[in-house]
């Protein structure tokens, strides 16, 4: 997959089969769009072109109050789109001036002049242009004038429920990991750097790696304990089962939210290392225990359950 950090870097190709959007999560619905793009491209000897934006439009339009909790970092999104079979990924810098393009200007200047679109494929709820004024109806009206085709992919269902990034976020934030996994079509991941913590886990006999997440817009799932697989990113072939705790340490100080993972059968120093967690199972909530001994007993049970599920 070729990646372009500005639409001006993209050199038009013959028979560009194009889609546009945030594609946060690259979830089941997004994957259906990409499969359709690939089929259309094969029919006309074309290639798949995906146009997305970074920063996210809301970061630009509402810089002090965007409230974003995205399913993917930019790096994660690139990897998922490459795996999906996209040929050309354009990550255009979103700006206030770009947001002022009318829907007609967007069609003429971006779809026609910059991308030389043969066919545009969009999701059922896609809007574009200033104030999101552009819709599928606008595209149907103007596509013949500018000599390109347009298709709309209907809403996609999993277990008779419509898939959307919002529903996946809500599932993760409520601890419904199974629904999130079904809708994504893969296990949600979280990547962070190991930093020094309070070392409470070590005193309890379960030394944990405390993670700092570099991207402040990345969604952190609900507080609780999870079974995860852990990849040490300096050695991608080495994976460990892990018991992950997200929460405020209610048994101790109910302090700032922390992300701590205990790697089963691991020995060594992880400080400064980058770890990627793949969420497999939600085990329980983040609860306060009456004594340290009760907490240690529960951690033992958590580790046994993770071992049973993942090893």
Protein backbone atom coordinates (compact mmCIF):
# COMPACT_ATOMS: atom_id res chain seq x y z
CA UNK A 1 0.00 0.00 0.00
CA UNK A 2 1.29 3.45 -0.92
CA UNK A 3 0.72 6.16 1.68
CA UNK A 4 0.50 9.88 0.88
CA UNK A 5 0.51 12.54 3.59
CA UNK A 6 -1.12 15.14 1.36
CA UNK A 7 -3.55 14.83 -1.52
CA UNK A 8 -1.18 16.94 -3.63
CA UNK A 9 1.40 14.13 -3.41
CA UNK A 10 -0.98 11.70 -5.12
CA UNK A 11 -0.46 11.20 -8.84
CA UNK A 12 -3.75 10.31 -10.56
CA UNK A 13 -4.11 6.74 -11.78
CA UNK A 14 -6.36 5.11 -14.35
CA UNK A 15 -9.70 3.87 -13.08
CA UNK A 16 -9.41 5.02 -9.48
CA UNK A 17 -12.05 3.33 -7.33
CA UNK A 18 -12.38 5.76 -4.45
CA UNK A 19 -13.86 5.96 -0.98
CA UNK A 20 -13.69 8.74 1.58
CA UNK A 21 -14.13 8.83 5.33
CA UNK A 22 -12.67 8.67 8.80
CA UNK A 23 -12.74 4.84 8.84
CA UNK A 24 -12.23 4.80 12.59
CA UNK A 25 -11.92 1.17 13.63
CA UNK A 26 -11.80 -0.18 10.06
CA UNK A 27 -14.70 -2.26 11.33
CA UNK A 28 -16.96 -4.85 9.71
CA UNK A 29 -18.95 -2.19 7.84
CA UNK A 30 -15.80 -0.49 6.56
CA UNK A 31 -14.42 -3.84 5.45
CA UNK A 32 -17.55 -4.43 3.35
CA UNK A 33 -16.98 -1.11 1.60
CA UNK A 34 -13.36 -2.03 0.88
CA UNK A 35 -14.36 -5.46 -0.45
CA UNK A 36 -16.74 -3.74 -2.87
CA UNK A 37 -13.98 -1.34 -3.93
CA UNK A 38 -11.65 -4.23 -4.64
CA UNK A 39 -14.28 -6.03 -6.73
CA UNK A 40 -15.01 -2.92 -8.80
CA UNK A 41 -11.29 -2.27 -9.27
CA UNK A 42 -10.76 -5.81 -10.56
CA UNK A 43 -13.57 -5.35 -13.10
CA UNK A 44 -11.98 -2.26 -14.72
CA UNK A 45 -8.28 -2.98 -14.10
CA UNK A 46 -8.26 -0.17 -11.57
CA UNK A 47 -6.92 0.40 -8.06
CA UNK A 48 -8.44 1.17 -4.67
CA UNK A 49 -7.89 4.71 -3.36
CA UNK A 50 -8.95 5.68 0.17
CA UNK A 51 -8.97 9.31 1.25
CA UNK A 52 -9.02 10.04 4.97
CA UNK A 53 -7.97 12.95 7.13
CA UNK A 54 -5.70 13.70 10.08
CA UNK A 55 -6.10 15.44 12.43
CA UNK A 56 -9.65 14.26 12.83
CA UNK A 57 -12.01 17.07 11.69
CA UNK A 58 -13.37 17.54 15.20
CA UNK A 59 -9.85 18.18 16.53
CA UNK A 60 -9.63 21.15 14.16
CA UNK A 61 -13.16 22.50 14.41
CA UNK A 62 -13.43 22.03 18.20
CA UNK A 63 -9.78 22.11 19.37
CA UNK A 64 -10.60 22.71 23.04
CA UNK A 65 -13.61 20.43 23.32
CA UNK A 66 -13.46 17.69 20.70
CA UNK A 67 -14.03 14.90 23.24
CA UNK A 68 -12.62 12.32 20.84
CA UNK A 69 -12.11 8.72 21.84
CA UNK A 70 -10.99 7.00 18.66
CA UNK A 71 -10.77 3.26 18.14
CA UNK A 72 -7.52 3.52 16.17
CA UNK A 73 -4.39 5.58 16.28
CA UNK A 74 -3.16 6.72 12.87
CA UNK A 75 -0.51 3.99 12.90
CA UNK A 76 -3.08 1.29 13.71
CA UNK A 77 -5.40 2.53 10.97
CA UNK A 78 -2.60 2.39 8.40
CA UNK A 79 -1.82 -1.20 9.34
CA UNK A 80 -5.46 -2.30 9.18
CA UNK A 81 -6.05 -0.64 5.81
CA UNK A 82 -2.89 -2.18 4.38
CA UNK A 83 -4.10 -5.61 5.51
CA UNK A 84 -7.52 -4.97 3.93
CA UNK A 85 -6.07 -4.56 0.44
CA UNK A 86 -6.21 -0.79 -0.13
CA UNK A 87 -3.72 0.21 -2.85
CA UNK A 88 -3.41 3.94 -2.14
CA UNK A 89 -4.02 5.63 1.22
CA UNK A 90 -4.17 9.43 1.21
CA UNK A 91 -4.02 11.03 4.66
CA UNK A 92 -4.79 14.66 3.96
CA UNK A 93 -4.15 17.26 6.70
CA UNK A 94 -7.55 18.56 7.76
CA UNK A 95 -7.71 22.32 8.26
CA UNK A 96 -10.31 25.01 8.80
CA UNK A 97 -9.86 26.21 5.22
CA UNK A 98 -10.43 22.68 3.93
CA UNK A 99 -13.58 22.43 6.07
CA UNK A 100 -15.04 25.43 4.23
CA UNK A 101 -15.16 23.67 0.87
CA UNK A 102 -18.76 23.38 -0.28
CA UNK A 103 -20.01 19.96 -1.33
CA UNK A 104 -19.87 21.03 -5.00
CA UNK A 105 -16.31 22.31 -4.61
CA UNK A 106 -15.35 19.05 -2.91
CA UNK A 107 -16.71 17.01 -5.80
CA UNK A 108 -15.10 19.18 -8.47
CA UNK A 109 -11.74 19.96 -6.81
CA UNK A 110 -11.09 16.73 -4.89
CA UNK A 111 -12.99 13.87 -6.52
CA UNK A 112 -12.61 15.04 -10.10
CA UNK A 113 -9.47 17.19 -10.35
CA UNK A 114 -7.24 15.59 -7.70
CA UNK A 115 -8.34 11.95 -7.70
CA UNK A 116 -9.70 11.50 -11.26
CA UNK A 117 -12.38 9.28 -9.74
CA UNK A 118 -13.81 6.50 -11.91
CA UNK A 119 -16.21 5.23 -9.22
CA UNK A 120 -16.91 6.55 -5.74
CA UNK A 121 -18.19 4.10 -3.10
CA UNK A 122 -19.52 5.52 0.16
CA UNK A 123 -21.24 4.23 3.29
CA UNK A 124 -24.94 4.67 3.91
CA UNK A 125 -24.53 7.71 6.22
CA UNK A 126 -21.69 9.56 4.50
CA UNK A 127 -21.77 13.37 4.35
CA UNK A 128 -19.12 15.76 3.11
CA UNK A 129 -18.34 19.40 2.43
CA UNK A 130 -18.99 22.50 4.52
CA UNK A 131 -21.28 21.76 7.47
CA UNK A 132 -21.62 18.19 6.14
CA UNK A 133 -24.05 19.53 3.55
CA UNK A 134 -23.13 17.01 0.86
CA UNK A 135 -25.05 13.74 0.64
CA UNK A 136 -25.58 10.75 -1.61
CA UNK A 137 -28.32 12.67 -3.40
CA UNK A 138 -25.83 15.42 -4.34
CA UNK A 139 -23.44 12.81 -5.69
CA UNK A 140 -26.16 11.13 -7.76
CA UNK A 141 -27.06 14.51 -9.24
CA UNK A 142 -23.53 15.65 -10.06
CA UNK A 143 -21.74 12.40 -10.92
CA UNK A 144 -23.01 12.29 -14.55
CA UNK A 145 -21.99 15.92 -15.05
CA UNK A 146 -18.41 15.16 -13.97
CA UNK A 147 -18.27 11.71 -15.58
CA UNK A 148 -17.84 9.41 -12.60
CA UNK A 149 -19.99 6.71 -11.06
CA UNK A 150 -21.22 6.50 -7.49
CA UNK A 151 -22.41 3.67 -5.26
CA UNK A 152 -23.74 3.59 -1.72
CA UNK A 153 -23.15 0.58 0.53
CA UNK A 154 -26.14 -0.17 2.78
CA UNK A 155 -25.90 -0.39 6.55
CA UNK A 156 -24.15 -3.59 7.60
CA UNK A 157 -25.50 -5.87 10.32
CA UNK A 158 -23.86 -8.26 12.78
CA UNK A 159 -26.21 -10.36 14.90
CA UNK A 160 -29.10 -8.26 13.52
CA UNK A 161 -27.52 -5.06 14.84
CA UNK A 162 -26.27 -2.24 12.62
CA UNK A 163 -22.50 -1.74 12.85
CA UNK A 164 -21.02 1.68 13.56
CA UNK A 165 -17.90 3.12 15.15
CA UNK A 166 -20.08 4.79 17.78
CA UNK A 167 -21.66 1.49 18.83
CA UNK A 168 -18.21 -0.11 19.10
CA UNK A 169 -16.97 2.75 21.28
CA UNK A 170 -20.01 2.46 23.52
CA UNK A 171 -19.52 -1.31 23.83
CA UNK A 172 -15.88 -0.89 24.87
CA UNK A 173 -16.75 1.86 27.33
CA UNK A 174 -19.36 -0.36 28.97
CA UNK A 175 -17.17 -3.48 29.18
CA UNK A 176 -19.04 -5.30 26.40
CA UNK A 177 -15.89 -6.63 24.79
CA UNK A 178 -17.69 -9.42 22.87
CA UNK A 179 -19.90 -7.00 20.92
CA UNK A 180 -16.93 -4.76 20.16
CA UNK A 181 -14.92 -7.72 18.86
CA UNK A 182 -17.82 -8.96 16.71
CA UNK A 183 -18.38 -5.52 15.18
CA UNK A 184 -14.68 -4.83 14.62
CA UNK A 185 -13.98 -8.24 13.15
CA UNK A 186 -10.75 -8.38 15.17
CA UNK A 187 -9.53 -7.85 18.74
CA UNK A 188 -9.28 -4.27 19.95
CA UNK A 189 -5.68 -3.24 20.65
CA UNK A 190 -3.94 -0.72 22.85
CA UNK A 191 -0.28 0.25 22.57
CA UNK A 192 1.71 2.07 25.23
CA UNK A 193 5.15 2.60 26.72
CA UNK A 194 6.14 0.99 30.02
CA UNK A 195 6.76 3.64 32.68
CA UNK A 196 7.53 3.61 36.39
CA UNK A 197 4.46 3.29 38.61
CA UNK A 198 3.88 2.86 42.33
CA UNK A 199 5.19 -0.72 42.19
CA UNK A 200 2.20 -1.99 44.17
CA UNK A 201 1.98 -5.10 42.01
CA UNK A 202 5.50 -6.07 42.94
CA UNK A 203 4.67 -5.90 46.65
CA UNK A 204 1.68 -8.17 46.02
CA UNK A 205 3.76 -10.77 44.15
CA UNK A 206 2.50 -9.76 40.69
CA UNK A 207 4.89 -7.23 39.14
CA UNK A 208 2.98 -5.29 36.51
CA UNK A 209 4.01 -3.15 33.58
CA UNK A 210 2.43 0.30 33.85
CA UNK A 211 1.53 1.71 30.45
CA UNK A 212 1.45 5.32 29.30
CA UNK A 213 -0.62 5.84 26.14
CA UNK A 214 0.99 8.45 23.91
CA UNK A 215 -2.11 9.37 21.89
CA UNK A 216 -4.54 11.27 24.10
CA UNK A 217 -7.38 10.65 21.66
CA UNK A 218 -7.14 6.84 21.84
CA UNK A 219 -10.11 5.18 23.52
CA UNK A 220 -9.38 3.34 26.76
CA UNK A 221 -11.94 0.58 27.49
CA UNK A 222 -14.02 0.38 30.65
CA UNK A 223 -12.31 -0.07 34.00
CA UNK A 224 -11.90 -3.70 34.88
CA UNK A 225 -9.73 -6.78 34.47
CA UNK A 226 -9.13 -8.31 31.05
CA UNK A 227 -7.39 -11.32 29.54
CA UNK A 228 -5.02 -9.98 26.87
CA UNK A 229 -2.16 -11.12 24.74
CA UNK A 230 0.90 -8.89 25.00
CA UNK A 231 3.40 -8.24 22.23
CA UNK A 232 6.75 -6.70 23.15
CA UNK A 233 7.22 -4.56 20.07
CA UNK A 234 11.01 -4.82 19.98
CA UNK A 235 10.45 -8.53 19.35
CA UNK A 236 7.16 -9.02 17.50
CA UNK A 237 7.49 -12.80 17.53
CA UNK A 238 7.36 -12.88 21.33
CA UNK A 239 3.87 -12.86 22.83
CA UNK A 240 2.69 -13.41 26.40
CA UNK A 241 -0.66 -13.98 28.03
CA UNK A 242 -1.47 -11.12 30.36
CA UNK A 243 -3.87 -10.10 33.11
CA UNK A 244 -4.69 -6.44 32.46
CA UNK A 245 -6.15 -4.07 35.03
CA UNK A 246 -7.61 -0.71 34.05
CA UNK A 247 -8.81 1.41 36.94
CA UNK A 248 -8.15 3.62 39.92
CA UNK A 249 -6.73 1.10 42.43
CA UNK A 250 -9.84 1.35 44.66
CA UNK A 251 -8.40 -1.03 47.28
CA UNK A 252 -5.53 1.41 47.89
CA UNK A 253 -5.90 5.08 47.02
CA UNK A 254 -8.64 5.37 44.37
CA UNK A 255 -6.12 7.56 42.58
CA UNK A 256 -5.55 8.48 38.93
CA UNK A 257 -6.60 5.93 36.34
CA UNK A 258 -3.87 3.42 35.53
CA UNK A 259 -3.28 0.71 32.94
CA UNK A 260 -1.25 -2.19 34.36
CA UNK A 261 -0.59 -5.60 32.88
CA UNK A 262 0.94 -8.69 34.48
CA UNK A 263 2.74 -10.84 31.90
CA UNK A 264 2.42 -14.52 32.75
CA UNK A 265 5.72 -16.45 32.58
CA UNK A 266 7.75 -13.31 31.86
CA UNK A 267 10.94 -12.32 33.63
CA UNK A 268 12.98 -9.26 32.85
CA UNK A 269 12.93 -5.47 32.66
CA UNK A 270 10.32 -3.80 30.45
CA UNK A 271 10.86 -0.12 31.34
CA UNK A 272 10.87 2.02 28.21
CA UNK A 273 9.59 -0.82 26.04
CA UNK A 274 6.51 -0.46 23.85
CA UNK A 275 3.82 -3.10 24.42
CA UNK A 276 0.73 -3.84 22.36
CA UNK A 277 -2.22 -5.40 24.17
CA UNK A 278 -4.82 -7.41 22.27
CA UNK A 279 -8.08 -7.61 24.23
CA UNK A 280 -9.46 -11.18 24.34
CA UNK A 281 -11.87 -11.43 27.30
CA UNK A 282 -13.43 -9.15 29.90
CA UNK A 283 -13.15 -10.86 33.30
CA UNK A 284 -14.58 -8.56 35.97
CA UNK A 285 -15.02 -4.97 37.12
CA UNK A 286 -12.55 -2.80 39.01
CA UNK A 287 -13.68 -3.27 42.59
CA UNK A 288 -12.41 -2.44 46.09
CA UNK A 289 -11.43 -5.31 48.39
CA UNK A 290 -11.69 -5.14 52.17
CA UNK A 291 -8.13 -6.40 52.69
CA UNK A 292 -4.91 -6.76 50.75
CA UNK A 293 -5.14 -10.52 51.26
CA UNK A 294 -8.54 -10.61 49.57
CA UNK A 295 -7.13 -8.66 46.63
CA UNK A 296 -4.16 -11.04 46.28
CA UNK A 297 -6.52 -14.02 46.37
CA UNK A 298 -8.61 -12.48 43.57
CA UNK A 299 -5.53 -11.68 41.47
CA UNK A 300 -4.52 -15.33 41.80
CA UNK A 301 -7.93 -16.31 40.47
CA UNK A 302 -7.64 -13.77 37.64
CA UNK A 303 -4.27 -15.17 36.58
CA UNK A 304 -5.62 -18.72 36.69
CA UNK A 305 -8.54 -17.68 34.49
CA UNK A 306 -6.26 -15.91 31.99
CA UNK A 307 -4.03 -18.99 31.90
CA UNK A 308 -7.02 -21.23 31.24
CA UNK A 309 -8.37 -18.94 28.49
CA UNK A 310 -5.14 -18.11 26.66
CA UNK A 311 -2.54 -20.82 27.38
